[in-house]
Amino acid sequence: MNYEEASKELEQIVNKLENGNLPMSEALALFERGEELAKICFKHLDTAKGKLTIVKEELGKLVETDE
């Protein structure tokens, strides 16, 4: 599942939970699914952050070389 899919589903779950018109068992199941989706989102963000850090370091080396 990609970030966009996980984020969209998580947003839908949050909206359902905020309405508060759910039986406790359904709310609990949605909360647990939301935790799984949040982990997926954080994993994707961590990966992106790592890639950006590498690119930034490489660009820094290029700038130092050009000077």
PDB file of N, CA and C in Angstrom:
ATOM      1  N   MET A   1       0.853  -1.168   0.000  1.00  0.00           N
ATOM      2  CA  MET A   1       0.000   0.000   0.000  1.00  0.00           C
ATOM      3  C   MET A   1       0.903   1.236   0.000  1.00  0.00           C
ATOM      4  N   ASN A   2       0.604   2.173  -0.888  1.00  0.00           N
ATOM      5  CA  ASN A   2       1.420   3.379  -0.939  1.00  0.00           C
ATOM      6  C   ASN A   2       0.923   4.419   0.070  1.00  0.00           C
ATOM      7  N   TYR A   3       1.680   5.485   0.204  1.00  0.00           N
ATOM      8  CA  TYR A   3       1.375   6.521   1.191  1.00  0.00           C
ATOM      9  C   TYR A   3       0.009   7.143   0.944  1.00  0.00           C
ATOM     10  N   GLU A   4      -0.274   7.468  -0.286  1.00  0.00           N
ATOM     11  CA  GLU A   4      -1.528   8.148  -0.605  1.00  0.00           C
ATOM     12  C   GLU A   4      -2.737   7.298  -0.246  1.00  0.00           C
ATOM     13  N   GLU A   5      -2.680   6.002  -0.543  1.00  0.00           N
ATOM     14  CA  GLU A   5      -3.783   5.095  -0.214  1.00  0.00           C
ATOM     15  C   GLU A   5      -3.969   4.986   1.294  1.00  0.00           C
ATOM     16  N   ALA A   6      -2.867   4.807   2.002  1.00  0.00           N
ATOM     17  CA  ALA A   6      -2.932   4.669   3.458  1.00  0.00           C
ATOM     18  C   ALA A   6      -3.448   5.950   4.099  1.00  0.00           C
ATOM     19  N   SER A   7      -2.961   7.073   3.626  1.00  0.00           N
ATOM     20  CA  SER A   7      -3.368   8.363   4.173  1.00  0.00           C
ATOM     21  C   SER A   7      -4.856   8.614   3.946  1.00  0.00           C
ATOM     22  N   LYS A   8      -5.334   8.287   2.761  1.00  0.00           N
ATOM     23  CA  LYS A   8      -6.747   8.489   2.430  1.00  0.00           C
ATOM     24  C   LYS A   8      -7.641   7.608   3.304  1.00  0.00           C
ATOM     25  N   GLU A   9      -7.272   6.336   3.448  1.00  0.00           N
ATOM     26  CA  GLU A   9      -8.066   5.439   4.281  1.00  0.00           C
ATOM     27  C   GLU A   9      -8.032   5.891   5.743  1.00  0.00           C
ATOM     28  N   LEU A  10      -6.874   6.330   6.198  1.00  0.00           N
ATOM     29  CA  LEU A  10      -6.749   6.814   7.572  1.00  0.00           C
ATOM     30  C   LEU A  10      -7.650   8.024   7.801  1.00  0.00           C
ATOM     31  N   GLU A  11      -7.694   8.916   6.847  1.00  0.00           N
ATOM     32  CA  GLU A  11      -8.552  10.098   6.954  1.00  0.00           C
ATOM     33  C   GLU A  11     -10.028   9.697   7.046  1.00  0.00           C
ATOM     34  N   GLN A  12     -10.427   8.702   6.271  1.00  0.00           N
ATOM     35  CA  GLN A  12     -11.806   8.221   6.317  1.00  0.00           C
ATOM     36  C   GLN A  12     -12.135   7.624   7.685  1.00  0.00           C
ATOM     37  N   ILE A  13     -11.194   6.893   8.240  1.00  0.00           N
ATOM     38  CA  ILE A  13     -11.390   6.294   9.564  1.00  0.00           C
ATOM     39  C   ILE A  13     -11.523   7.379  10.628  1.00  0.00           C
ATOM     40  N   VAL A  14     -10.664   8.374  10.567  1.00  0.00           N
ATOM     41  CA  VAL A  14     -10.729   9.468  11.535  1.00  0.00           C
ATOM     42  C   VAL A  14     -12.094  10.147  11.464  1.00  0.00           C
ATOM     43  N   ASN A  15     -12.579  10.393  10.263  1.00  0.00           N
ATOM     44  CA  ASN A  15     -13.895  11.027  10.105  1.00  0.00           C
ATOM     45  C   ASN A  15     -14.997  10.175  10.726  1.00  0.00           C
ATOM     46  N   LYS A  16     -14.948   8.872  10.513  1.00  0.00           N
ATOM     47  CA  LYS A  16     -15.953   7.978  11.097  1.00  0.00           C
ATOM     48  C   LYS A  16     -15.886   7.989  12.613  1.00  0.00           C
ATOM     49  N   LEU A  17     -14.681   7.954  13.144  1.00  0.00           N
ATOM     50  CA  LEU A  17     -14.517   7.949  14.596  1.00  0.00           C
ATOM     51  C   LEU A  17     -14.950   9.279  15.214  1.00  0.00           C
ATOM     52  N   GLU A  18     -14.710  10.368  14.526  1.00  0.00           N
ATOM     53  CA  GLU A  18     -15.097  11.685  15.050  1.00  0.00           C
ATOM     54  C   GLU A  18     -16.611  11.842  15.139  1.00  0.00           C
ATOM     55  N   ASN A  19     -17.338  11.171  14.242  1.00  0.00           N
ATOM     56  CA  ASN A  19     -18.794  11.251  14.280  1.00  0.00           C
ATOM     57  C   ASN A  19     -19.348  10.624  15.553  1.00  0.00           C
ATOM     58  N   GLY A  20     -18.676   9.600  16.054  1.00  0.00           N
ATOM     59  CA  GLY A  20     -19.051   9.006  17.326  1.00  0.00           C
ATOM     60  C   GLY A  20     -20.318   8.183  17.338  1.00  0.00           C
ATOM     61  N   ASN A  21     -20.854   7.857  16.196  1.00  0.00           N
ATOM     62  CA  ASN A  21     -22.098   7.100  16.128  1.00  0.00           C
ATOM     63  C   ASN A  21     -21.854   5.626  15.831  1.00  0.00           C
ATOM     64  N   LEU A  22     -20.792   5.074  16.356  1.00  0.00           N
ATOM     65  CA  LEU A  22     -20.424   3.688  16.066  1.00  0.00           C
ATOM     66  C   LEU A  22     -20.536   2.836  17.313  1.00  0.00           C
ATOM     67  N   PRO A  23     -20.867   1.570  17.124  1.00  0.00           N
ATOM     68  CA  PRO A  23     -20.796   0.646  18.259  1.00  0.00           C
ATOM     69  C   PRO A  23     -19.342   0.518  18.704  1.00  0.00           C
ATOM     70  N   MET A  24     -19.144   0.228  19.974  1.00  0.00           N
ATOM     71  CA  MET A  24     -17.797   0.160  20.535  1.00  0.00           C
ATOM     72  C   MET A  24     -16.910  -0.818  19.775  1.00  0.00           C
ATOM     73  N   SER A  25     -17.430  -1.975  19.405  1.00  0.00           N
ATOM     74  CA  SER A  25     -16.613  -2.978  18.712  1.00  0.00           C
ATOM     75  C   SER A  25     -16.142  -2.468  17.352  1.00  0.00           C
ATOM     76  N   GLU A  26     -17.014  -1.766  16.652  1.00  0.00           N
ATOM     77  CA  GLU A  26     -16.631  -1.216  15.346  1.00  0.00           C
ATOM     78  C   GLU A  26     -15.621  -0.082  15.509  1.00  0.00           C
ATOM     79  N   ALA A  27     -15.817   0.756  16.506  1.00  0.00           N
ATOM     80  CA  ALA A  27     -14.888   1.855  16.760  1.00  0.00           C
ATOM     81  C   ALA A  27     -13.507   1.306  17.104  1.00  0.00           C
ATOM     82  N   LEU A  28     -13.468   0.256  17.900  1.00  0.00           N
ATOM     83  CA  LEU A  28     -12.195  -0.351  18.272  1.00  0.00           C
ATOM     84  C   LEU A  28     -11.488  -0.937  17.052  1.00  0.00           C
ATOM     85  N   ALA A  29     -12.248  -1.627  16.198  1.00  0.00           N
ATOM     86  CA  ALA A  29     -11.665  -2.202  14.982  1.00  0.00           C
ATOM     87  C   ALA A  29     -11.126  -1.103  14.069  1.00  0.00           C
ATOM     88  N   LEU A  30     -11.856  -0.008  13.942  1.00  0.00           N
ATOM     89  CA  LEU A  30     -11.389   1.104  13.114  1.00  0.00           C
ATOM     90  C   LEU A  30     -10.141   1.744  13.719  1.00  0.00           C
ATOM     91  N   PHE A  31     -10.119   1.883  15.030  1.00  0.00           N
ATOM     92  CA  PHE A  31      -8.945   2.449  15.695  1.00  0.00           C
ATOM     93  C   PHE A  31      -7.710   1.593  15.439  1.00  0.00           C
ATOM     94  N   GLU A  32      -7.869   0.279  15.551  1.00  0.00           N
ATOM     95  CA  GLU A  32      -6.741  -0.634  15.307  1.00  0.00           C
ATOM     96  C   GLU A  32      -6.272  -0.542  13.861  1.00  0.00           C
ATOM     97  N   ARG A  33      -7.214  -0.462  12.929  1.00  0.00           N
ATOM     98  CA  ARG A  33      -6.840  -0.310  11.512  1.00  0.00           C
ATOM     99  C   ARG A  33      -6.124   1.025  11.309  1.00  0.00           C
ATOM    100  N   GLY A  34      -6.587   2.045  11.980  1.00  0.00           N
ATOM    101  CA  GLY A  34      -5.940   3.354  11.896  1.00  0.00           C
ATOM    102  C   GLY A  34      -4.504   3.314  12.374  1.00  0.00           C
ATOM    103  N   GLU A  35      -4.251   2.559  13.438  1.00  0.00           N
ATOM    104  CA  GLU A  35      -2.869   2.401  13.918  1.00  0.00           C
ATOM    105  C   GLU A  35      -1.993   1.751  12.859  1.00  0.00           C
ATOM    106  N   GLU A  36      -2.512   0.722  12.199  1.00  0.00           N
ATOM    107  CA  GLU A  36      -1.758   0.044  11.136  1.00  0.00           C
ATOM    108  C   GLU A  36      -1.453   1.014  10.001  1.00  0.00           C
ATOM    109  N   LEU A  37      -2.450   1.785   9.621  1.00  0.00           N
ATOM    110  CA  LEU A  37      -2.265   2.741   8.525  1.00  0.00           C
ATOM    111  C   LEU A  37      -1.280   3.839   8.901  1.00  0.00           C
ATOM    112  N   ALA A  38      -1.336   4.292  10.136  1.00  0.00           N
ATOM    113  CA  ALA A  38      -0.393   5.320  10.590  1.00  0.00           C
ATOM    114  C   ALA A  38       1.037   4.794  10.519  1.00  0.00           C
ATOM    115  N   LYS A  39       1.237   3.541  10.890  1.00  0.00           N
ATOM    116  CA  LYS A  39       2.570   2.941  10.802  1.00  0.00           C
ATOM    117  C   LYS A  39       3.051   2.902   9.356  1.00  0.00           C
ATOM    118  N   ILE A  40       2.155   2.561   8.443  1.00  0.00           N
ATOM    119  CA  ILE A  40       2.501   2.531   7.016  1.00  0.00           C
ATOM    120  C   ILE A  40       2.909   3.929   6.551  1.00  0.00           C
ATOM    121  N   CYS A  41       2.139   4.936   6.948  1.00  0.00           N
ATOM    122  CA  CYS A  41       2.450   6.312   6.551  1.00  0.00           C
ATOM    123  C   CYS A  41       3.803   6.752   7.100  1.00  0.00           C
ATOM    124  N   PHE A  42       4.050   6.468   8.376  1.00  0.00           N
ATOM    125  CA  PHE A  42       5.331   6.858   8.969  1.00  0.00           C
ATOM    126  C   PHE A  42       6.493   6.141   8.291  1.00  0.00           C
ATOM    127  N   LYS A  43       6.293   4.890   7.920  1.00  0.00           N
ATOM    128  CA  LYS A  43       7.349   4.145   7.224  1.00  0.00           C
ATOM    129  C   LYS A  43       7.691   4.822   5.895  1.00  0.00           C
ATOM    130  N   HIS A  44       6.665   5.195   5.147  1.00  0.00           N
ATOM    131  CA  HIS A  44       6.892   5.870   3.866  1.00  0.00           C
ATOM    132  C   HIS A  44       7.579   7.221   4.077  1.00  0.00           C
ATOM    133  N   LEU A  45       7.152   7.956   5.100  1.00  0.00           N
ATOM    134  CA  LEU A  45       7.768   9.262   5.368  1.00  0.00           C
ATOM    135  C   LEU A  45       9.223   9.120   5.791  1.00  0.00           C
ATOM    136  N   ASP A  46       9.520   8.109   6.607  1.00  0.00           N
ATOM    137  CA  ASP A  46      10.906   7.875   7.006  1.00  0.00           C
ATOM    138  C   ASP A  46      11.781   7.535   5.805  1.00  0.00           C
ATOM    139  N   THR A  47      11.243   6.723   4.900  1.00  0.00           N
ATOM    140  CA  THR A  47      11.977   6.363   3.688  1.00  0.00           C
ATOM    141  C   THR A  47      12.243   7.596   2.837  1.00  0.00           C
ATOM    142  N   ALA A  48      11.227   8.423   2.675  1.00  0.00           N
ATOM    143  CA  ALA A  48      11.384   9.647   1.889  1.00  0.00           C
ATOM    144  C   ALA A  48      12.402  10.582   2.537  1.00  0.00           C
ATOM    145  N   LYS A  49      12.343  10.687   3.855  1.00  0.00           N
ATOM    146  CA  LYS A  49      13.295  11.552   4.569  1.00  0.00           C
ATOM    147  C   LYS A  49      14.723  11.061   4.352  1.00  0.00           C
ATOM    148  N   GLY A  50      14.921   9.755   4.409  1.00  0.00           N
ATOM    149  CA  GLY A  50      16.249   9.193   4.182  1.00  0.00           C
ATOM    150  C   GLY A  50      16.756   9.498   2.783  1.00  0.00           C
ATOM    151  N   LYS A  51      15.883   9.360   1.806  1.00  0.00           N
ATOM    152  CA  LYS A  51      16.275   9.654   0.420  1.00  0.00           C
ATOM    153  C   LYS A  51      16.614  11.127   0.247  1.00  0.00           C
ATOM    154  N   LEU A  52      15.825  11.997   0.865  1.00  0.00           N
ATOM    155  CA  LEU A  52      16.101  13.431   0.765  1.00  0.00           C
ATOM    156  C   LEU A  52      17.427  13.799   1.436  1.00  0.00           C
ATOM    157  N   THR A  53      17.722  13.137   2.532  1.00  0.00           N
ATOM    158  CA  THR A  53      18.988  13.388   3.216  1.00  0.00           C
ATOM    159  C   THR A  53      20.158  13.007   2.321  1.00  0.00           C
ATOM    160  N   ILE A  54      20.052  11.880   1.648  1.00  0.00           N
ATOM    161  CA  ILE A  54      21.118  11.433   0.744  1.00  0.00           C
ATOM    162  C   ILE A  54      21.289  12.424  -0.403  1.00  0.00           C
ATOM    163  N   VAL A  55      20.186  12.850  -0.992  1.00  0.00           N
ATOM    164  CA  VAL A  55      20.252  13.805  -2.102  1.00  0.00           C
ATOM    165  C   VAL A  55      20.871  15.112  -1.630  1.00  0.00           C
ATOM    166  N   LYS A  56      20.470  15.574  -0.447  1.00  0.00           N
ATOM    167  CA  LYS A  56      21.011  16.821   0.093  1.00  0.00           C
ATOM    168  C   LYS A  56      22.516  16.712   0.309  1.00  0.00           C
ATOM    169  N   GLU A  57      22.956  15.578   0.837  1.00  0.00           N
ATOM    170  CA  GLU A  57      24.397  15.371   1.047  1.00  0.00           C
ATOM    171  C   GLU A  57      25.147  15.357  -0.280  1.00  0.00           C
ATOM    172  N   GLU A  58      24.583  14.697  -1.277  1.00  0.00           N
ATOM    173  CA  GLU A  58      25.229  14.637  -2.593  1.00  0.00           C
ATOM    174  C   GLU A  58      25.289  16.021  -3.228  1.00  0.00           C
ATOM    175  N   LEU A  59      24.215  16.791  -3.088  1.00  0.00           N
ATOM    176  CA  LEU A  59      24.222  18.148  -3.634  1.00  0.00           C
ATOM    177  C   LEU A  59      25.257  19.009  -2.916  1.00  0.00           C
ATOM    178  N   GLY A  60      25.376  18.815  -1.618  1.00  0.00           N
ATOM    179  CA  GLY A  60      26.383  19.556  -0.861  1.00  0.00           C
ATOM    180  C   GLY A  60      27.782  19.249  -1.349  1.00  0.00           C
ATOM    181  N   LYS A  61      28.060  17.988  -1.661  1.00  0.00           N
ATOM    182  CA  LYS A  61      29.366  17.597  -2.186  1.00  0.00           C
ATOM    183  C   LYS A  61      29.617  18.235  -3.548  1.00  0.00           C
ATOM    184  N   LEU A  62      28.573  18.285  -4.379  1.00  0.00           N
ATOM    185  CA  LEU A  62      28.720  18.904  -5.691  1.00  0.00           C
ATOM    186  C   LEU A  62      29.020  20.388  -5.581  1.00  0.00           C
ATOM    187  N   VAL A  63      28.367  21.063  -4.673  1.00  0.00           N
ATOM    188  CA  VAL A  63      28.593  22.495  -4.481  1.00  0.00           C
ATOM    189  C   VAL A  63      30.013  22.738  -3.985  1.00  0.00           C
ATOM    190  N   GLU A  64      30.475  21.916  -3.033  1.00  0.00           N
ATOM    191  CA  GLU A  64      31.843  22.058  -2.502  1.00  0.00           C
ATOM    192  C   GLU A  64      32.878  21.826  -3.603  1.00  0.00           C
ATOM    193  N   THR A  65      32.609  20.876  -4.490  1.00  0.00           N
ATOM    194  CA  THR A  65      33.525  20.557  -5.574  1.00  0.00           C
ATOM    195  C   THR A  65      33.623  21.696  -6.566  1.00  0.00           C
ATOM    196  N   ASP A  66      32.472  22.375  -6.814  1.00  0.00           N
ATOM    197  CA  ASP A  66      32.439  23.459  -7.787  1.00  0.00           C
ATOM    198  C   ASP A  66      33.145  24.724  -7.280  1.00  0.00           C
ATOM    199  N   GLU A  67      33.281  24.850  -5.998  1.00  0.00           N
ATOM    200  CA  GLU A  67      33.867  26.087  -5.446  1.00  0.00           C
ATOM    201  C   GLU A  67      35.328  26.068  -5.540  1.00  0.00           C
TER     202      GLU A  67
END
